Amino acid sequence: MRTNPPPPSNPKNPAADKSKLAADKAKAKADKGKALMNELRAVTKETPGYGTGNYTLDLDEYELAGSSDLQLKLLSIFRSPQYKPPVLPNIALELTDLSKKQNVSYDDVVRVVEKDPMITASVLKLAQSPLYGGRPVQSLKDALNRLGIATLRDLVWQVVANMRLFRVRNYAPIMERMQLHATFTAYAARIIAQKAGIAAEHAFLCGLLHDIGWSGTLLAISENNSKPPEPKTLFAAIDKMHVEAGGAMAKLWGLSQEICTVIGNHHHLDKQRKPASVLVPVLCVAEHLADELGFGIEIKPDDGILRRDRIDANLDGRFDTAVGMLKLETKLDAIREAAAEAGQRIRKVDA
């Protein structure tokens, strides 16, 4: 017996059918995401395969995970006993250790830096850039005579960071912006510490490395995924966990306790409590100036319209708290002027 095909579920309103189908698909996707994150939450150090990379997210799962769930997943990378940070040239760490010693000669410093000809060439180029007066530098000894050991160490770290920490395949545009932000924050932190009368030899390094948790996270994702997710999928989660990630990286590199403390606490500032380091409010002021002078890290949505939202932002009131802690109320104009001049020189070098 011949039968007629079943009529559509709602012949008078086909749009309603499409809407229901879309809703069903969205629900199925959400249910899958919940199931995935429940599975991940059940993973502990006792779970077979923990810390060996067995628990990873593919592209669809990154999109399924909510911000807080994704934050926990990304943190598990850095909390794993098997995690290893990006490999840095030995001369950066060796020079940092050498600069801590008394009675270090310029010859000692030159012998360390000359081990890497590529870094030596980049340091000499930077030493004669507008950032340091634009005058010719003939040799490392010449640079040391002009700048001193501590500043030359900072130059080496700036070169190393640009070579190794801000080069992440698949995320080049955001990393270029990160590099510019980190460079400005480093020079601004040095200016602020000097104007505040703080004997802080690590101000520049803390400014340069304060957001390494961002680059470390993106690097880990890029290396472990053939098709890494779009940055916008990750922004909210990384923004909340990059401080802990950066602190973990600094410790594994064997950086000084002060640097590790500042990187791991650079967003933790409360006017009711003493900061973990005097450099925490210094970085807070430096990042505020980065926003003011166009060196912040803005989020550009798909429509290309720049919003006020940005990552790594100061919370309301934190800048005023930092200014009060450092007693900078009468020095802000001079600091802004010096930071603006540094920003102009950075752009010339970056151009």
Protein backbone atom coordinates (compact mmCIF):
# COMPACT_ATOMS: atom_id res chain seq x y z
CA MET A 1 0.00 0.00 0.00
CA ARG A 2 1.41 3.36 -1.03
CA THR A 3 1.85 5.90 1.75
CA ASN A 4 2.36 9.61 1.51
CA PRO A 5 5.54 11.18 3.01
CA PRO A 6 5.01 12.66 6.47
CA PRO A 7 4.13 16.33 6.47
CA PRO A 8 6.65 18.86 7.83
CA SER A 9 6.43 19.35 11.56
CA ASN A 10 5.27 22.93 11.16
CA PRO A 11 4.22 23.62 7.55
CA LYS A 12 2.96 27.10 8.45
CA ASN A 13 6.23 28.21 10.06
CA PRO A 14 9.39 26.61 8.60
CA ALA A 15 11.50 29.26 10.35
CA ALA A 16 10.42 27.77 13.69
CA ASP A 17 11.77 24.38 12.61
CA LYS A 18 15.15 25.90 11.75
CA SER A 19 15.23 27.73 15.06
CA LYS A 20 14.47 24.54 16.98
CA LEU A 21 17.15 22.64 15.07
CA ALA A 22 19.72 25.32 15.89
CA ALA A 23 18.70 25.24 19.54
CA ASP A 24 19.02 21.46 19.64
CA LYS A 25 22.51 21.64 18.14
CA ALA A 26 23.56 24.33 20.62
CA LYS A 27 22.27 22.23 23.52
CA ALA A 28 24.10 19.16 22.28
CA LYS A 29 27.32 21.18 22.00
CA ALA A 30 26.89 22.58 25.50
CA ASP A 31 26.18 19.11 26.91
CA LYS A 32 29.31 17.78 25.26
CA GLY A 33 31.33 20.65 26.73
CA LYS A 34 30.00 19.98 30.23
CA ALA A 35 30.79 16.29 29.94
CA LEU A 36 34.31 17.09 28.73
CA MET A 37 35.09 19.47 31.58
CA ASN A 38 33.60 17.11 34.18
CA GLU A 39 36.05 14.50 32.87
CA LEU A 40 38.94 16.95 33.13
CA ARG A 41 37.99 17.97 36.68
CA ALA A 42 38.23 14.32 37.69
CA VAL A 43 41.89 14.20 36.61
CA THR A 44 44.30 14.33 39.56
CA LYS A 45 48.00 13.68 40.08
CA GLU A 46 47.09 10.07 40.77
CA THR A 47 45.36 9.67 37.41
CA PRO A 48 47.42 7.53 34.97
CA GLY A 49 48.91 9.81 32.34
CA TYR A 50 48.73 12.97 34.47
CA GLY A 51 51.42 15.46 33.48
CA THR A 52 52.45 13.56 30.36
CA GLY A 53 50.35 15.49 27.88
CA ASN A 54 47.62 12.85 27.67
CA TYR A 55 44.95 15.30 28.75
CA THR A 56 44.78 17.86 25.98
CA LEU A 57 42.04 19.77 24.22
CA ASP A 58 41.44 19.72 20.50
CA LEU A 59 40.16 22.75 18.62
CA ASP A 60 36.45 22.00 19.10
CA GLU A 61 36.97 21.38 22.81
CA TYR A 62 38.67 24.75 23.31
CA GLU A 63 35.54 26.36 21.91
CA LEU A 64 33.28 24.17 24.06
CA ALA A 65 35.05 24.92 27.34
CA GLY A 66 33.86 27.89 29.39
CA SER A 67 36.38 30.53 30.49
CA SER A 68 36.83 29.21 34.04
CA ASP A 69 37.09 25.59 32.86
CA LEU A 70 39.61 26.53 30.19
CA GLN A 71 41.57 28.50 32.77
CA LEU A 72 41.92 25.39 34.94
CA LYS A 73 42.93 23.29 31.96
CA LEU A 74 45.61 25.74 30.88
CA LEU A 75 46.96 26.02 34.42
CA SER A 76 47.35 22.24 34.53
CA ILE A 77 50.06 22.62 31.87
CA PHE A 78 52.22 24.72 34.19
CA ARG A 79 51.38 22.78 37.35
CA SER A 80 52.49 19.52 35.77
CA PRO A 81 55.85 18.22 37.06
CA GLN A 82 56.72 17.45 33.42
CA TYR A 83 56.32 21.05 32.20
CA LYS A 84 59.45 22.71 30.83
CA PRO A 85 59.55 26.40 29.86
CA PRO A 86 61.03 27.65 26.58
CA VAL A 87 64.79 27.12 26.46
CA LEU A 88 66.75 30.35 26.87
CA PRO A 89 70.32 30.96 25.72
CA ASN A 90 72.71 30.17 28.56
CA ILE A 91 74.37 33.56 28.36
CA ALA A 92 71.23 35.36 29.60
CA LEU A 93 71.11 33.32 32.80
CA GLU A 94 74.91 33.27 33.16
CA LEU A 95 75.14 37.04 32.78
CA THR A 96 72.32 37.54 35.30
CA ASP A 97 74.22 35.45 37.85
CA LEU A 98 77.46 37.28 37.07
CA SER A 99 75.87 40.70 37.56
CA LYS A 100 75.00 39.78 41.16
CA LYS A 101 78.64 39.33 42.12
CA GLN A 102 80.93 42.03 43.45
CA ASN A 103 84.16 43.03 41.72
CA VAL A 104 83.08 41.69 38.33
CA SER A 105 85.30 42.97 35.55
CA TYR A 106 84.15 44.10 32.13
CA ASP A 107 86.35 41.36 30.65
CA ASP A 108 84.32 38.77 32.57
CA VAL A 109 81.11 40.16 31.08
CA VAL A 110 82.52 40.33 27.56
CA ARG A 111 83.66 36.69 27.74
CA VAL A 112 80.11 35.60 28.62
CA VAL A 113 78.27 37.66 25.98
CA GLU A 114 80.72 36.86 23.17
CA LYS A 115 79.79 33.17 23.42
CA ASP A 116 76.79 33.93 21.20
CA PRO A 117 77.74 36.03 18.15
CA MET A 118 74.12 36.56 17.09
CA ILE A 119 73.13 37.97 20.48
CA THR A 120 76.32 40.05 20.58
CA ALA A 121 75.47 41.65 17.23
CA SER A 122 71.90 42.39 18.33
CA VAL A 123 73.08 43.88 21.64
CA LEU A 124 75.54 46.18 19.88
CA LYS A 125 72.83 47.28 17.44
CA LEU A 126 70.46 48.04 20.31
CA ALA A 127 73.17 49.82 22.32
CA GLN A 128 73.59 52.41 19.54
CA SER A 129 69.87 52.80 18.86
CA PRO A 130 67.81 55.88 19.81
CA LEU A 131 66.95 54.09 23.08
CA TYR A 132 70.52 54.69 24.24
CA GLY A 133 71.45 57.95 22.59
CA GLY A 134 72.01 56.81 19.03
CA ARG A 135 75.81 57.11 19.23
CA PRO A 136 78.08 54.55 17.55
CA VAL A 137 79.30 51.62 19.66
CA GLN A 138 82.43 49.85 18.44
CA SER A 139 82.55 46.87 20.81
CA LEU A 140 81.03 45.23 23.87
CA LYS A 141 83.72 46.91 26.00
CA ASP A 142 82.65 50.25 24.52
CA ALA A 143 79.01 49.46 25.35
CA LEU A 144 79.96 48.50 28.91
CA ASN A 145 81.92 51.70 29.41
CA ARG A 146 78.90 53.70 28.35
CA LEU A 147 76.06 51.70 29.90
CA GLY A 148 77.48 49.63 32.76
CA ILE A 149 77.02 45.95 33.56
CA ALA A 150 73.39 46.09 34.80
CA THR A 151 72.12 47.95 31.73
CA LEU A 152 74.05 45.67 29.37
CA ARG A 153 72.46 42.69 31.13
CA ASP A 154 69.05 44.25 30.50
CA LEU A 155 69.91 44.68 26.81
CA VAL A 156 70.87 41.02 26.56
CA TRP A 157 67.53 40.02 28.08
CA GLN A 158 65.65 42.33 25.73
CA VAL A 159 67.35 40.67 22.75
CA VAL A 160 66.77 37.17 24.13
CA ALA A 161 63.09 37.85 24.91
CA ASN A 162 62.52 39.18 21.40
CA MET A 163 64.25 36.15 19.89
CA ARG A 164 62.74 33.39 22.02
CA LEU A 165 59.74 34.52 24.06
CA PHE A 166 57.76 36.62 21.61
CA ARG A 167 57.99 34.31 18.61
CA VAL A 168 55.02 31.93 18.61
CA ARG A 169 53.86 30.44 15.33
CA ASN A 170 50.14 30.84 14.62
CA TYR A 171 49.96 33.83 17.00
CA ALA A 172 52.33 36.33 15.37
CA PRO A 173 50.09 39.46 15.50
CA ILE A 174 49.23 39.18 19.20
CA MET A 175 52.85 38.33 20.07
CA GLU A 176 54.14 41.38 18.22
CA ARG A 177 51.81 43.49 20.34
CA MET A 178 52.92 41.64 23.48
CA GLN A 179 56.55 42.35 22.63
CA LEU A 180 55.88 46.07 22.21
CA HIS A 181 53.90 46.16 25.47
CA ALA A 182 56.63 44.30 27.38
CA THR A 183 59.40 46.51 26.01
CA PHE A 184 57.60 49.72 26.94
CA THR A 185 56.68 48.40 30.39
CA ALA A 186 60.34 47.52 31.02
CA TYR A 187 61.62 51.01 30.17
CA ALA A 188 58.73 52.67 32.02
CA ALA A 189 59.39 50.53 35.13
CA ARG A 190 63.04 51.61 35.10
CA ILE A 191 61.98 55.28 34.85
CA ILE A 192 59.41 54.97 37.64
CA ALA A 193 61.85 53.22 39.99
CA GLN A 194 64.46 55.93 39.37
CA LYS A 195 61.99 58.79 39.90
CA ALA A 196 60.64 57.13 43.04
CA GLY A 197 64.14 56.76 44.45
CA ILE A 198 63.88 52.96 44.54
CA ALA A 199 67.13 51.01 44.28
CA ALA A 200 65.55 48.30 42.17
CA GLU A 201 68.03 46.68 39.81
CA HIS A 202 65.38 44.25 38.58
CA ALA A 203 62.81 46.88 37.56
CA PHE A 204 63.61 46.52 33.85
CA LEU A 205 63.64 42.71 33.87
CA CYS A 206 60.37 42.53 35.80
CA GLY A 207 58.74 44.86 33.31
CA LEU A 208 60.11 42.92 30.35
CA LEU A 209 59.06 39.51 31.68
CA HIS A 210 55.88 40.32 33.61
CA ASP A 211 53.60 38.82 30.93
CA ILE A 212 55.69 35.80 29.94
CA GLY A 213 52.76 33.67 31.13
CA TRP A 214 50.91 34.83 28.01
CA SER A 215 53.66 33.84 25.60
CA GLY A 216 54.37 30.62 27.49
CA THR A 217 50.71 29.59 27.31
CA LEU A 218 50.33 30.40 23.62
CA LEU A 219 53.60 28.59 22.89
CA ALA A 220 52.43 25.47 24.74
CA ILE A 221 49.11 25.51 22.87
CA SER A 222 50.77 26.11 19.52
CA GLU A 223 53.27 23.27 19.98
CA ASN A 224 50.63 20.74 21.05
CA ASN A 225 47.90 21.51 18.50
CA SER A 226 48.20 21.23 14.73
CA LYS A 227 45.33 23.71 14.41
CA PRO A 228 45.50 26.02 17.44
CA PRO A 229 42.34 27.94 18.35
CA GLU A 230 41.81 31.59 17.56
CA PRO A 231 43.23 33.98 20.21
CA LYS A 232 39.75 35.33 20.98
CA THR A 233 38.79 31.83 22.21
CA LEU A 234 41.61 31.97 24.75
CA PHE A 235 41.78 35.63 25.84
CA ALA A 236 39.54 35.54 28.90
CA ALA A 237 41.06 32.34 30.29
CA ILE A 238 44.73 33.29 29.76
CA ASP A 239 44.13 36.75 31.18
CA LYS A 240 43.17 35.12 34.49
CA MET A 241 45.94 32.52 34.65
CA HIS A 242 48.99 34.13 33.02
CA VAL A 243 50.30 35.49 36.34
CA GLU A 244 50.65 32.02 37.86
CA ALA A 245 51.99 30.62 34.59
CA GLY A 246 54.63 33.36 34.36
CA GLY A 247 55.71 32.82 37.96
CA ALA A 248 56.16 29.10 37.30
CA MET A 249 58.28 29.80 34.20
CA ALA A 250 60.51 32.25 36.07
CA LYS A 251 61.14 29.74 38.87
CA LEU A 252 62.03 26.99 36.41
CA TRP A 253 64.52 29.32 34.71
CA GLY A 254 66.15 29.89 38.09
CA LEU A 255 65.58 33.66 38.14
CA SER A 256 65.99 35.55 41.41
CA GLN A 257 63.34 35.29 44.09
CA GLU A 258 62.38 38.95 43.64
CA ILE A 259 61.78 38.56 39.91
CA CYS A 260 59.72 35.39 40.47
CA THR A 261 57.69 37.12 43.18
CA VAL A 262 56.94 40.19 41.06
CA ILE A 263 55.96 38.20 37.96
CA GLY A 264 53.74 35.93 40.07
CA ASN A 265 52.07 38.86 41.87
CA HIS A 266 52.06 41.76 39.41
CA HIS A 267 48.25 42.01 39.51
CA HIS A 268 47.99 41.52 43.28
CA LEU A 269 47.83 44.99 44.77
CA ASP A 270 45.63 45.90 47.73
CA LYS A 271 45.89 49.21 49.55
CA GLN A 272 45.13 47.40 52.82
CA ARG A 273 48.16 45.13 52.48
CA LYS A 274 51.88 45.51 51.93
CA PRO A 275 52.74 44.48 48.35
CA ALA A 276 54.79 41.34 47.75
CA SER A 277 57.54 43.62 46.40
CA VAL A 278 57.93 47.35 45.89
CA LEU A 279 58.15 46.54 42.18
CA VAL A 280 54.51 45.39 42.12
CA PRO A 281 53.17 48.99 42.39
CA VAL A 282 55.97 50.09 40.02
CA LEU A 283 54.62 47.69 37.36
CA CYS A 284 51.08 48.82 38.08
CA VAL A 285 52.02 52.42 37.25
CA ALA A 286 54.04 51.27 34.21
CA GLU A 287 51.10 49.33 32.78
CA HIS A 288 48.78 52.28 33.35
CA LEU A 289 51.18 54.45 31.34
CA ALA A 290 51.30 51.74 28.67
CA ASP A 291 47.53 52.13 28.29
CA GLU A 292 47.72 55.91 28.24
CA LEU A 293 50.47 56.04 25.62
CA GLY A 294 49.19 53.37 23.24
CA PHE A 295 51.25 50.39 24.40
CA GLY A 296 48.38 48.44 25.96
CA ILE A 297 47.13 45.14 24.58
CA GLU A 298 43.71 45.79 23.11
CA ILE A 299 41.23 43.21 21.87
CA LYS A 300 40.14 43.70 18.26
CA PRO A 301 36.92 41.82 17.50
CA ASP A 302 35.98 40.43 14.10
CA ASP A 303 34.31 43.66 13.05
CA GLY A 304 37.62 45.52 13.45
CA ILE A 305 36.12 48.12 15.80
CA LEU A 306 38.49 48.75 18.69
CA ARG A 307 36.76 48.37 22.04
CA ARG A 308 37.93 49.72 25.38
CA ASP A 309 38.25 46.15 26.64
CA ARG A 310 41.83 44.97 26.90
CA ILE A 311 43.80 42.14 28.39
CA ASP A 312 46.20 42.46 31.33
CA ALA A 313 44.31 45.57 32.48
CA ASN A 314 44.57 47.34 35.83
CA LEU A 315 41.50 47.05 38.00
CA ASP A 316 39.72 50.26 38.95
CA GLY A 317 41.55 52.12 41.68
CA ARG A 318 44.74 50.10 41.44
CA PHE A 319 46.70 52.86 39.73
CA ASP A 320 45.81 55.39 42.44
CA THR A 321 46.77 52.84 45.10
CA ALA A 322 50.16 52.30 43.45
CA VAL A 323 50.82 56.03 43.10
CA GLY A 324 50.05 56.48 46.80
CA MET A 325 52.29 53.59 47.86
CA LEU A 326 55.21 54.99 45.87
CA LYS A 327 54.46 58.61 46.85
CA LEU A 328 54.49 59.69 43.22
CA GLU A 329 51.74 62.32 43.37
CA THR A 330 54.12 65.23 42.67
CA LYS A 331 56.28 63.26 40.24
CA LEU A 332 53.68 61.92 37.81
CA ASP A 333 54.07 64.67 35.23
CA ALA A 334 57.83 64.12 35.00
CA ILE A 335 57.33 60.35 34.82
CA ARG A 336 54.74 60.67 32.06
CA GLU A 337 57.03 62.94 30.06
CA ALA A 338 60.01 60.59 30.40
CA ALA A 339 57.87 57.54 29.58
CA ALA A 340 56.41 59.27 26.51
CA GLU A 341 59.93 60.04 25.26
CA ALA A 342 60.95 56.41 25.82
CA GLY A 343 57.85 55.28 23.94
CA GLN A 344 58.78 57.43 20.94
CA ARG A 345 62.28 55.93 20.88
CA ILE A 346 60.87 52.40 21.16
CA ARG A 347 58.65 53.01 18.14
CA LYS A 348 61.64 54.26 16.15
CA VAL A 349 63.57 51.10 16.96
CA ASP A 350 60.53 48.90 16.26
CA ALA A 351 59.81 50.59 12.92
